[in-house]
Amino acid sequence: MLGSLGKTRVLVDTTTPGDGDSIASYLTDAAGNLLTSTLNGADQSLDVNITAGVYLEDSVHASGDAGFAVWAVRNDAGTALAADGDYIPFSTDAAGNLRVSGTFTSSGGKNEDDPHTTGDAGSYSLAVRHDTAGSQVSADGDYASFQQTADGYLRTMGISETAILQQAVSVGLTATQIPAANLANRKHLTIQNVDSGLIWIGSATVTAAGATRGLVLARGGTYEADVSDAVDVYGITLVGAKDVVIVELS
């Protein structure tokens, strides 16, 4: 018949662990040395060093490195989960999408040869075929697409595509618009003084002297500029009326 245990406590021999009661539980290293405790604040705990998956800042990546799963918190409201300066987890919306800062659009990608539609979002760099020159947006300041002709040429300023117009204008002692009516879709303007005497070229406030005097043209002198039909050019003389010849390209 087995007798009852005659001890009121179990002893652990820390000098020779094998001499202690066999029911005792203790931890030893591979050499049989007893693992001691370390103070952690006011408590005692075993030294545990877990290094797998933990890397120092600026350490070099090596193939086969182990790591930890990084969890995110579902946060339907999208509110902050910690105060400024605190550690905080990544957060997702109800569909599991990771919350990031920024504005994104899913409609910016366009297939080649897709028709342009008002309200299309960028950032595509395609040009729109537009056989008749003119704006394709409704107001100044709107986003607009590059345009190309029916032959595939990119529309740019300074290329004569549809019309050329020449005419003569008499410039007087007050600022005279040159020409009186601009050629529609004008891209280039040439003005030549064909009379004796001088004329001055500038804006509607051009004068023949002083701080607002314009560019002076003697007989045979020429003024050329890439200007649209939205820009009005004026001339003025000091003596009598002087004739100029104008050539416009659109």
C-alpha atoms as a PDB file:
ATOM      1  CA  MET A   1       0.000   0.000   0.000  1.00  0.00           C
ATOM      2  CA  LEU A   2       1.417   3.359  -1.013  1.00  0.00           C
ATOM      3  CA  GLY A   3       1.998   5.786   1.752  1.00  0.00           C
ATOM      4  CA  SER A   4       1.195   9.461   1.616  1.00  0.00           C
ATOM      5  CA  LEU A   5       3.825  12.104   0.872  1.00  0.00           C
ATOM      6  CA  GLY A   6       5.575  12.971   4.124  1.00  0.00           C
ATOM      7  CA  LYS A   7       6.719  16.489   3.113  1.00  0.00           C
ATOM      8  CA  THR A   8       4.921  19.729   3.642  1.00  0.00           C
ATOM      9  CA  ARG A   9       6.918  21.522   0.923  1.00  0.00           C
ATOM     10  CA  VAL A  10       8.859  20.745  -2.211  1.00  0.00           C
ATOM     11  CA  LEU A  11      12.504  21.768  -2.291  1.00  0.00           C
ATOM     12  CA  VAL A  12      14.578  22.929  -5.255  1.00  0.00           C
ATOM     13  CA  ASP A  13      18.341  22.664  -4.950  1.00  0.00           C
ATOM     14  CA  THR A  14      19.654  25.696  -6.900  1.00  0.00           C
ATOM     15  CA  THR A  15      23.298  24.625  -6.445  1.00  0.00           C
ATOM     16  CA  THR A  16      22.794  21.087  -7.740  1.00  0.00           C
ATOM     17  CA  PRO A  17      19.383  20.986  -9.431  1.00  0.00           C
ATOM     18  CA  GLY A  18      19.542  17.164  -9.696  1.00  0.00           C
ATOM     19  CA  ASP A  19      19.596  16.841  -5.894  1.00  0.00           C
ATOM     20  CA  GLY A  20      16.240  18.552  -5.484  1.00  0.00           C
ATOM     21  CA  ASP A  21      12.855  16.863  -5.261  1.00  0.00           C
ATOM     22  CA  SER A  22      12.008  15.286  -8.585  1.00  0.00           C
ATOM     23  CA  ILE A  23       8.543  16.765  -8.556  1.00  0.00           C
ATOM     24  CA  ALA A  24      10.011  20.225  -8.521  1.00  0.00           C
ATOM     25  CA  SER A  25       9.807  22.216 -11.733  1.00  0.00           C
ATOM     26  CA  TYR A  26      12.719  24.326 -12.906  1.00  0.00           C
ATOM     27  CA  LEU A  27      14.288  25.614 -16.105  1.00  0.00           C
ATOM     28  CA  THR A  28      17.876  24.994 -17.100  1.00  0.00           C
ATOM     29  CA  ASP A  29      19.986  25.859 -20.100  1.00  0.00           C
ATOM     30  CA  ALA A  30      21.607  23.295 -22.416  1.00  0.00           C
ATOM     31  CA  ALA A  31      24.546  22.934 -19.996  1.00  0.00           C
ATOM     32  CA  GLY A  32      22.214  22.175 -17.073  1.00  0.00           C
ATOM     33  CA  ASN A  33      22.613  25.593 -15.439  1.00  0.00           C
ATOM     34  CA  LEU A  34      19.615  26.974 -13.618  1.00  0.00           C
ATOM     35  CA  LEU A  35      17.969  29.911 -15.381  1.00  0.00           C
ATOM     36  CA  THR A  36      17.827  32.838 -12.959  1.00  0.00           C
ATOM     37  CA  SER A  37      15.337  35.659 -12.739  1.00  0.00           C
ATOM     38  CA  THR A  38      15.834  39.293 -13.692  1.00  0.00           C
ATOM     39  CA  LEU A  39      14.185  42.323 -12.204  1.00  0.00           C
ATOM     40  CA  ASN A  40      11.625  43.917 -14.488  1.00  0.00           C
ATOM     41  CA  GLY A  41      10.521  46.972 -12.581  1.00  0.00           C
ATOM     42  CA  ALA A  42       9.297  45.692  -9.202  1.00  0.00           C
ATOM     43  CA  ASP A  43       8.701  42.160 -10.528  1.00  0.00           C
ATOM     44  CA  GLN A  44      10.980  39.256 -11.276  1.00  0.00           C
ATOM     45  CA  SER A  45      10.844  37.432 -14.581  1.00  0.00           C
ATOM     46  CA  LEU A  46      12.934  35.056 -16.646  1.00  0.00           C
ATOM     47  CA  ASP A  47      15.215  36.570 -19.274  1.00  0.00           C
ATOM     48  CA  VAL A  48      13.546  35.869 -22.604  1.00  0.00           C
ATOM     49  CA  ASN A  49      15.165  37.082 -25.824  1.00  0.00           C
ATOM     50  CA  ILE A  50      13.017  36.771 -28.935  1.00  0.00           C
ATOM     51  CA  THR A  51      14.892  37.987 -32.015  1.00  0.00           C
ATOM     52  CA  ALA A  52      13.179  36.226 -34.931  1.00  0.00           C
ATOM     53  CA  GLY A  53      11.407  38.816 -37.045  1.00  0.00           C
ATOM     54  CA  VAL A  54      12.854  41.763 -35.130  1.00  0.00           C
ATOM     55  CA  TYR A  55      15.334  43.947 -37.031  1.00  0.00           C
ATOM     56  CA  LEU A  56      17.344  47.002 -36.146  1.00  0.00           C
ATOM     57  CA  GLU A  57      16.713  50.283 -37.946  1.00  0.00           C
ATOM     58  CA  ASP A  58      18.730  50.477 -41.177  1.00  0.00           C
ATOM     59  CA  SER A  59      19.663  46.755 -41.068  1.00  0.00           C
ATOM     60  CA  VAL A  60      20.140  45.030 -44.442  1.00  0.00           C
ATOM     61  CA  HIS A  61      17.468  42.709 -45.825  1.00  0.00           C
ATOM     62  CA  ALA A  62      18.495  39.068 -46.279  1.00  0.00           C
ATOM     63  CA  SER A  63      16.651  36.359 -48.193  1.00  0.00           C
ATOM     64  CA  GLY A  64      14.572  34.186 -45.860  1.00  0.00           C
ATOM     65  CA  ASP A  65      14.233  36.763 -43.076  1.00  0.00           C
ATOM     66  CA  ALA A  66      11.369  35.906 -40.722  1.00  0.00           C
ATOM     67  CA  GLY A  67       8.773  38.451 -39.783  1.00  0.00           C
ATOM     68  CA  PHE A  68       5.598  39.111 -37.852  1.00  0.00           C
ATOM     69  CA  ALA A  69       2.127  39.601 -39.267  1.00  0.00           C
ATOM     70  CA  VAL A  70       1.095  43.264 -39.105  1.00  0.00           C
ATOM     71  CA  TRP A  71      -2.541  43.660 -38.175  1.00  0.00           C
ATOM     72  CA  ALA A  72      -4.862  46.537 -38.953  1.00  0.00           C
ATOM     73  CA  VAL A  73      -7.962  47.560 -36.998  1.00  0.00           C
ATOM     74  CA  ARG A  74     -11.347  47.829 -38.671  1.00  0.00           C
ATOM     75  CA  ASN A  75     -12.438  51.400 -38.022  1.00  0.00           C
ATOM     76  CA  ASP A  76     -15.692  52.181 -39.846  1.00  0.00           C
ATOM     77  CA  ALA A  77     -15.861  55.776 -38.611  1.00  0.00           C
ATOM     78  CA  GLY A  78     -12.353  56.589 -39.829  1.00  0.00           C
ATOM     79  CA  THR A  79     -11.550  58.466 -36.634  1.00  0.00           C
ATOM     80  CA  ALA A  80      -8.181  58.678 -34.865  1.00  0.00           C
ATOM     81  CA  LEU A  81      -7.435  55.711 -32.578  1.00  0.00           C
ATOM     82  CA  ALA A  82      -4.760  57.482 -30.528  1.00  0.00           C
ATOM     83  CA  ALA A  83      -3.572  60.919 -29.511  1.00  0.00           C
ATOM     84  CA  ASP A  84      -0.944  62.896 -31.403  1.00  0.00           C
ATOM     85  CA  GLY A  85       2.461  61.279 -30.834  1.00  0.00           C
ATOM     86  CA  ASP A  86       1.090  57.915 -29.625  1.00  0.00           C
ATOM     87  CA  TYR A  87       1.711  54.571 -31.348  1.00  0.00           C
ATOM     88  CA  ILE A  88      -1.322  53.653 -33.453  1.00  0.00           C
ATOM     89  CA  PRO A  89      -2.356  50.637 -35.564  1.00  0.00           C
ATOM     90  CA  PHE A  90      -3.176  50.727 -39.243  1.00  0.00           C
ATOM     91  CA  SER A  91      -6.928  50.951 -39.808  1.00  0.00           C
ATOM     92  CA  THR A  92      -9.319  49.727 -42.512  1.00  0.00           C
ATOM     93  CA  ASP A  93     -12.842  50.573 -43.571  1.00  0.00           C
ATOM     94  CA  ALA A  94     -15.754  48.130 -43.366  1.00  0.00           C
ATOM     95  CA  ALA A  95     -14.701  46.545 -46.678  1.00  0.00           C
ATOM     96  CA  GLY A  96     -11.160  45.888 -45.464  1.00  0.00           C
ATOM     97  CA  ASN A  97      -9.522  48.644 -47.526  1.00  0.00           C
ATOM     98  CA  LEU A  98      -6.474  50.131 -45.827  1.00  0.00           C
ATOM     99  CA  ARG A  99      -7.015  53.772 -44.975  1.00  0.00           C
ATOM    100  CA  VAL A 100      -4.469  56.056 -46.655  1.00  0.00           C
ATOM    101  CA  SER A 101      -4.307  59.796 -47.146  1.00  0.00           C
ATOM    102  CA  GLY A 102      -4.998  61.209 -50.605  1.00  0.00           C
ATOM    103  CA  THR A 103      -7.602  61.531 -53.330  1.00  0.00           C
ATOM    104  CA  PHE A 104      -7.871  58.745 -55.867  1.00  0.00           C
ATOM    105  CA  THR A 105     -10.071  58.127 -58.880  1.00  0.00           C
ATOM    106  CA  SER A 106     -10.751  54.885 -60.678  1.00  0.00           C
ATOM    107  CA  SER A 107     -11.856  56.580 -63.906  1.00  0.00           C
ATOM    108  CA  GLY A 108      -8.562  58.209 -64.907  1.00  0.00           C
ATOM    109  CA  GLY A 109      -7.382  55.317 -67.084  1.00  0.00           C
ATOM    110  CA  LYS A 110      -8.541  55.507 -70.701  1.00  0.00           C
ATOM    111  CA  ASN A 111      -8.208  52.959 -73.465  1.00  0.00           C
ATOM    112  CA  GLU A 112      -6.636  54.071 -76.738  1.00  0.00           C
ATOM    113  CA  ASP A 113      -9.315  55.246 -79.214  1.00  0.00           C
ATOM    114  CA  ASP A 114     -11.963  55.668 -76.491  1.00  0.00           C
ATOM    115  CA  PRO A 115     -14.232  58.647 -77.256  1.00  0.00           C
ATOM    116  CA  HIS A 116     -13.652  61.683 -75.062  1.00  0.00           C
ATOM    117  CA  THR A 117     -16.527  62.374 -72.655  1.00  0.00           C
ATOM    118  CA  THR A 118     -17.210  65.608 -70.810  1.00  0.00           C
ATOM    119  CA  GLY A 119     -16.252  65.180 -67.169  1.00  0.00           C
ATOM    120  CA  ASP A 120     -13.624  62.466 -67.780  1.00  0.00           C
ATOM    121  CA  ALA A 121     -11.077  62.383 -64.956  1.00  0.00           C
ATOM    122  CA  GLY A 122      -7.272  62.582 -65.545  1.00  0.00           C
ATOM    123  CA  SER A 123      -4.384  61.699 -65.447  1.00  0.00           C
ATOM    124  CA  TYR A 124      -4.242  60.405 -69.004  1.00  0.00           C
ATOM    125  CA  SER A 125      -2.008  62.080 -71.579  1.00  0.00           C
ATOM    126  CA  LEU A 126      -3.990  61.219 -74.689  1.00  0.00           C
ATOM    127  CA  ALA A 127      -4.952  63.826 -77.279  1.00  0.00           C
ATOM    128  CA  VAL A 128      -8.468  64.126 -78.703  1.00  0.00           C
ATOM    129  CA  ARG A 129      -9.079  64.180 -82.446  1.00  0.00           C
ATOM    130  CA  HIS A 130     -10.878  67.460 -83.162  1.00  0.00           C
ATOM    131  CA  ASP A 131     -11.190  68.164 -86.878  1.00  0.00           C
ATOM    132  CA  THR A 132     -12.390  71.750 -86.400  1.00  0.00           C
ATOM    133  CA  ALA A 133     -10.109  73.954 -84.332  1.00  0.00           C
ATOM    134  CA  GLY A 134     -11.697  75.303 -81.160  1.00  0.00           C
ATOM    135  CA  SER A 135     -11.993  74.751 -77.437  1.00  0.00           C
ATOM    136  CA  GLN A 136     -13.617  71.555 -76.164  1.00  0.00           C
ATOM    137  CA  VAL A 137     -14.331  72.794 -72.652  1.00  0.00           C
ATOM    138  CA  SER A 138     -17.094  75.087 -71.502  1.00  0.00           C
ATOM    139  CA  ALA A 139     -15.190  77.778 -69.601  1.00  0.00           C
ATOM    140  CA  ASP A 140     -11.822  79.440 -69.127  1.00  0.00           C
ATOM    141  CA  GLY A 141      -9.864  77.564 -66.431  1.00  0.00           C
ATOM    142  CA  ASP A 142     -11.404  74.125 -67.099  1.00  0.00           C
ATOM    143  CA  TYR A 143      -9.216  71.077 -67.645  1.00  0.00           C
ATOM    144  CA  ALA A 144      -8.817  70.357 -71.359  1.00  0.00           C
ATOM    145  CA  SER A 145      -7.302  67.668 -73.571  1.00  0.00           C
ATOM    146  CA  PHE A 146      -4.565  68.099 -76.121  1.00  0.00           C
ATOM    147  CA  GLN A 147      -6.089  68.148 -79.613  1.00  0.00           C
ATOM    148  CA  GLN A 148      -5.015  66.689 -82.923  1.00  0.00           C
ATOM    149  CA  THR A 149      -6.165  67.190 -86.503  1.00  0.00           C
ATOM    150  CA  ALA A 150      -7.772  64.525 -88.680  1.00  0.00           C
ATOM    151  CA  ASP A 151      -4.262  63.726 -89.946  1.00  0.00           C
ATOM    152  CA  GLY A 152      -2.973  63.119 -86.416  1.00  0.00           C
ATOM    153  CA  TYR A 153      -1.001  66.368 -86.040  1.00  0.00           C
ATOM    154  CA  LEU A 154      -0.986  67.948 -82.578  1.00  0.00           C
ATOM    155  CA  ARG A 155      -2.632  71.358 -82.671  1.00  0.00           C
ATOM    156  CA  THR A 156      -0.153  74.100 -81.700  1.00  0.00           C
ATOM    157  CA  MET A 157       0.138  77.843 -82.160  1.00  0.00           C
ATOM    158  CA  GLY A 158       1.924  79.256 -85.196  1.00  0.00           C
ATOM    159  CA  ILE A 159       0.718  76.724 -87.799  1.00  0.00           C
ATOM    160  CA  SER A 160      -1.454  77.923 -90.659  1.00  0.00           C
ATOM    161  CA  GLU A 161      -4.233  75.384 -91.064  1.00  0.00           C
ATOM    162  CA  THR A 162      -7.337  76.941 -92.518  1.00  0.00           C
ATOM    163  CA  ALA A 163      -7.056  80.546 -93.722  1.00  0.00           C
ATOM    164  CA  ILE A 164      -4.837  83.491 -94.644  1.00  0.00           C
ATOM    165  CA  LEU A 165      -6.123  87.059 -94.893  1.00  0.00           C
ATOM    166  CA  GLN A 166      -4.377  90.240 -96.045  1.00  0.00           C
ATOM    167  CA  GLN A 167      -5.699  93.800 -95.934  1.00  0.00           C
ATOM    168  CA  ALA A 168      -4.609  97.449 -95.688  1.00  0.00           C
ATOM    169  CA  VAL A 169      -5.460  99.751 -92.781  1.00  0.00           C
ATOM    170  CA  SER A 170      -4.987 103.512 -92.406  1.00  0.00           C
ATOM    171  CA  VAL A 171      -3.490 104.417 -89.014  1.00  0.00           C
ATOM    172  CA  GLY A 172      -4.305 107.890 -87.653  1.00  0.00           C
ATOM    173  CA  LEU A 173      -3.451 110.285 -84.849  1.00  0.00           C
ATOM    174  CA  THR A 174      -5.467 108.281 -82.317  1.00  0.00           C
ATOM    175  CA  ALA A 175      -4.954 104.589 -81.490  1.00  0.00           C
ATOM    176  CA  THR A 176      -6.331 102.561 -84.409  1.00  0.00           C
ATOM    177  CA  GLN A 177      -7.091  98.833 -84.140  1.00  0.00           C
ATOM    178  CA  ILE A 178      -5.068  96.785 -86.646  1.00  0.00           C
ATOM    179  CA  PRO A 179      -7.140  95.220 -88.149  1.00  0.00           C
ATOM    180  CA  ALA A 180     -10.582  96.498 -87.195  1.00  0.00           C
ATOM    181  CA  ALA A 181     -11.872  92.875 -86.943  1.00  0.00           C
ATOM    182  CA  ASN A 182      -9.516  89.980 -86.179  1.00  0.00           C
ATOM    183  CA  LEU A 183      -9.485  86.822 -88.307  1.00  0.00           C
ATOM    184  CA  ALA A 184     -11.302  84.003 -86.463  1.00  0.00           C
ATOM    185  CA  ASN A 185      -8.946  81.497 -84.793  1.00  0.00           C
ATOM    186  CA  ARG A 186      -5.971  83.679 -85.709  1.00  0.00           C
ATOM    187  CA  LYS A 187      -2.573  82.251 -84.789  1.00  0.00           C
ATOM    188  CA  HIS A 188      -0.120  84.673 -86.398  1.00  0.00           C
ATOM    189  CA  LEU A 189      -0.156  88.374 -87.274  1.00  0.00           C
ATOM    190  CA  THR A 190       2.204  90.421 -89.501  1.00  0.00           C
ATOM    191  CA  ILE A 191       2.027  94.234 -89.795  1.00  0.00           C
ATOM    192  CA  GLN A 192       4.208  96.212 -92.226  1.00  0.00           C
ATOM    193  CA  ASN A 193       4.490  99.975 -92.554  1.00  0.00           C
ATOM    194  CA  VAL A 194       4.236 100.752 -96.299  1.00  0.00           C
ATOM    195  CA  ASP A 195       3.971 104.535 -95.983  1.00  0.00           C
ATOM    196  CA  SER A 196       6.458 107.314 -95.297  1.00  0.00           C
ATOM    197  CA  GLY A 197       6.780 108.409 -91.691  1.00  0.00           C
ATOM    198  CA  LEU A 198       6.620 106.425 -88.469  1.00  0.00           C
ATOM    199  CA  ILE A 199       3.906 104.424 -86.729  1.00  0.00           C
ATOM    200  CA  TRP A 200       3.902 102.990 -83.191  1.00  0.00           C
ATOM    201  CA  ILE A 201       2.436  99.540 -82.407  1.00  0.00           C
ATOM    202  CA  GLY A 202       0.986  98.478 -79.040  1.00  0.00           C
ATOM    203  CA  SER A 203      -2.212  98.086 -77.038  1.00  0.00           C
ATOM    204  CA  ALA A 204      -5.327 100.274 -77.014  1.00  0.00           C
ATOM    205  CA  THR A 205      -3.429 102.781 -74.848  1.00  0.00           C
ATOM    206  CA  VAL A 206      -0.444 103.091 -77.213  1.00  0.00           C
ATOM    207  CA  THR A 207       1.049 106.543 -77.759  1.00  0.00           C
ATOM    208  CA  ALA A 208       3.729 107.955 -80.043  1.00  0.00           C
ATOM    209  CA  ALA A 209       5.741 109.402 -77.155  1.00  0.00           C
ATOM    210  CA  GLY A 210       6.215 109.114 -73.413  1.00  0.00           C
ATOM    211  CA  ALA A 211       6.038 106.085 -71.128  1.00  0.00           C
ATOM    212  CA  THR A 212       3.246 104.368 -73.097  1.00  0.00           C
ATOM    213  CA  ARG A 213       4.812 104.705 -76.547  1.00  0.00           C
ATOM    214  CA  GLY A 214       4.770 101.508 -78.581  1.00  0.00           C
ATOM    215  CA  LEU A 215       7.145  99.670 -80.909  1.00  0.00           C
ATOM    216  CA  VAL A 216       8.150 102.061 -83.682  1.00  0.00           C
ATOM    217  CA  LEU A 217       8.062 101.016 -87.346  1.00  0.00           C
ATOM    218  CA  ALA A 218       9.688 103.069 -90.100  1.00  0.00           C
ATOM    219  CA  ARG A 219       8.716 102.619 -93.740  1.00  0.00           C
ATOM    220  CA  GLY A 220       9.243  98.957 -94.665  1.00  0.00           C
ATOM    221  CA  GLY A 221       9.454  97.962 -90.982  1.00  0.00           C
ATOM    222  CA  THR A 222       7.601  94.794 -89.939  1.00  0.00           C
ATOM    223  CA  TYR A 223       5.996  93.600 -86.702  1.00  0.00           C
ATOM    224  CA  GLU A 224       5.279  89.846 -86.343  1.00  0.00           C
ATOM    225  CA  ALA A 225       3.715  87.971 -83.431  1.00  0.00           C
ATOM    226  CA  ASP A 226       1.976  84.687 -82.638  1.00  0.00           C
ATOM    227  CA  VAL A 227      -1.268  86.148 -81.279  1.00  0.00           C
ATOM    228  CA  SER A 228      -4.779  84.744 -81.182  1.00  0.00           C
ATOM    229  CA  ASP A 229      -7.917  86.559 -82.270  1.00  0.00           C
ATOM    230  CA  ALA A 230      -8.510  87.442 -78.606  1.00  0.00           C
ATOM    231  CA  VAL A 231      -5.620  89.944 -78.724  1.00  0.00           C
ATOM    232  CA  ASP A 232      -6.283  93.368 -80.252  1.00  0.00           C
ATOM    233  CA  VAL A 233      -3.287  95.271 -81.682  1.00  0.00           C
ATOM    234  CA  TYR A 234      -3.297  99.057 -82.202  1.00  0.00           C
ATOM    235  CA  GLY A 235      -1.205 101.631 -84.064  1.00  0.00           C
ATOM    236  CA  ILE A 236      -0.803 105.413 -83.901  1.00  0.00           C
ATOM    237  CA  THR A 237       1.045 108.162 -85.833  1.00  0.00           C
ATOM    238  CA  LEU A 238       2.259 111.658 -85.079  1.00  0.00           C
ATOM    239  CA  VAL A 239       1.575 113.229 -88.478  1.00  0.00           C
ATOM    240  CA  GLY A 240      -1.384 112.475 -90.759  1.00  0.00           C
ATOM    241  CA  ALA A 241      -2.630 108.995 -91.684  1.00  0.00           C
ATOM    242  CA  LYS A 242      -0.228 106.201 -92.571  1.00  0.00           C
ATOM    243  CA  ASP A 243      -1.030 102.961 -94.382  1.00  0.00           C
ATOM    244  CA  VAL A 244      -0.016  99.534 -93.090  1.00  0.00           C
ATOM    245  CA  VAL A 245      -0.461  96.116 -94.652  1.00  0.00           C
ATOM    246  CA  ILE A 246      -1.672  93.223 -92.476  1.00  0.00           C
ATOM    247  CA  VAL A 247      -1.406  89.471 -93.032  1.00  0.00           C
ATOM    248  CA  GLU A 248      -3.190  87.074 -90.656  1.00  0.00           C
ATOM    249  CA  LEU A 249      -2.917  83.278 -90.466  1.00  0.00           C
ATOM    250  CA  SER A 250      -5.407  80.960 -88.788  1.00  0.00           C
END
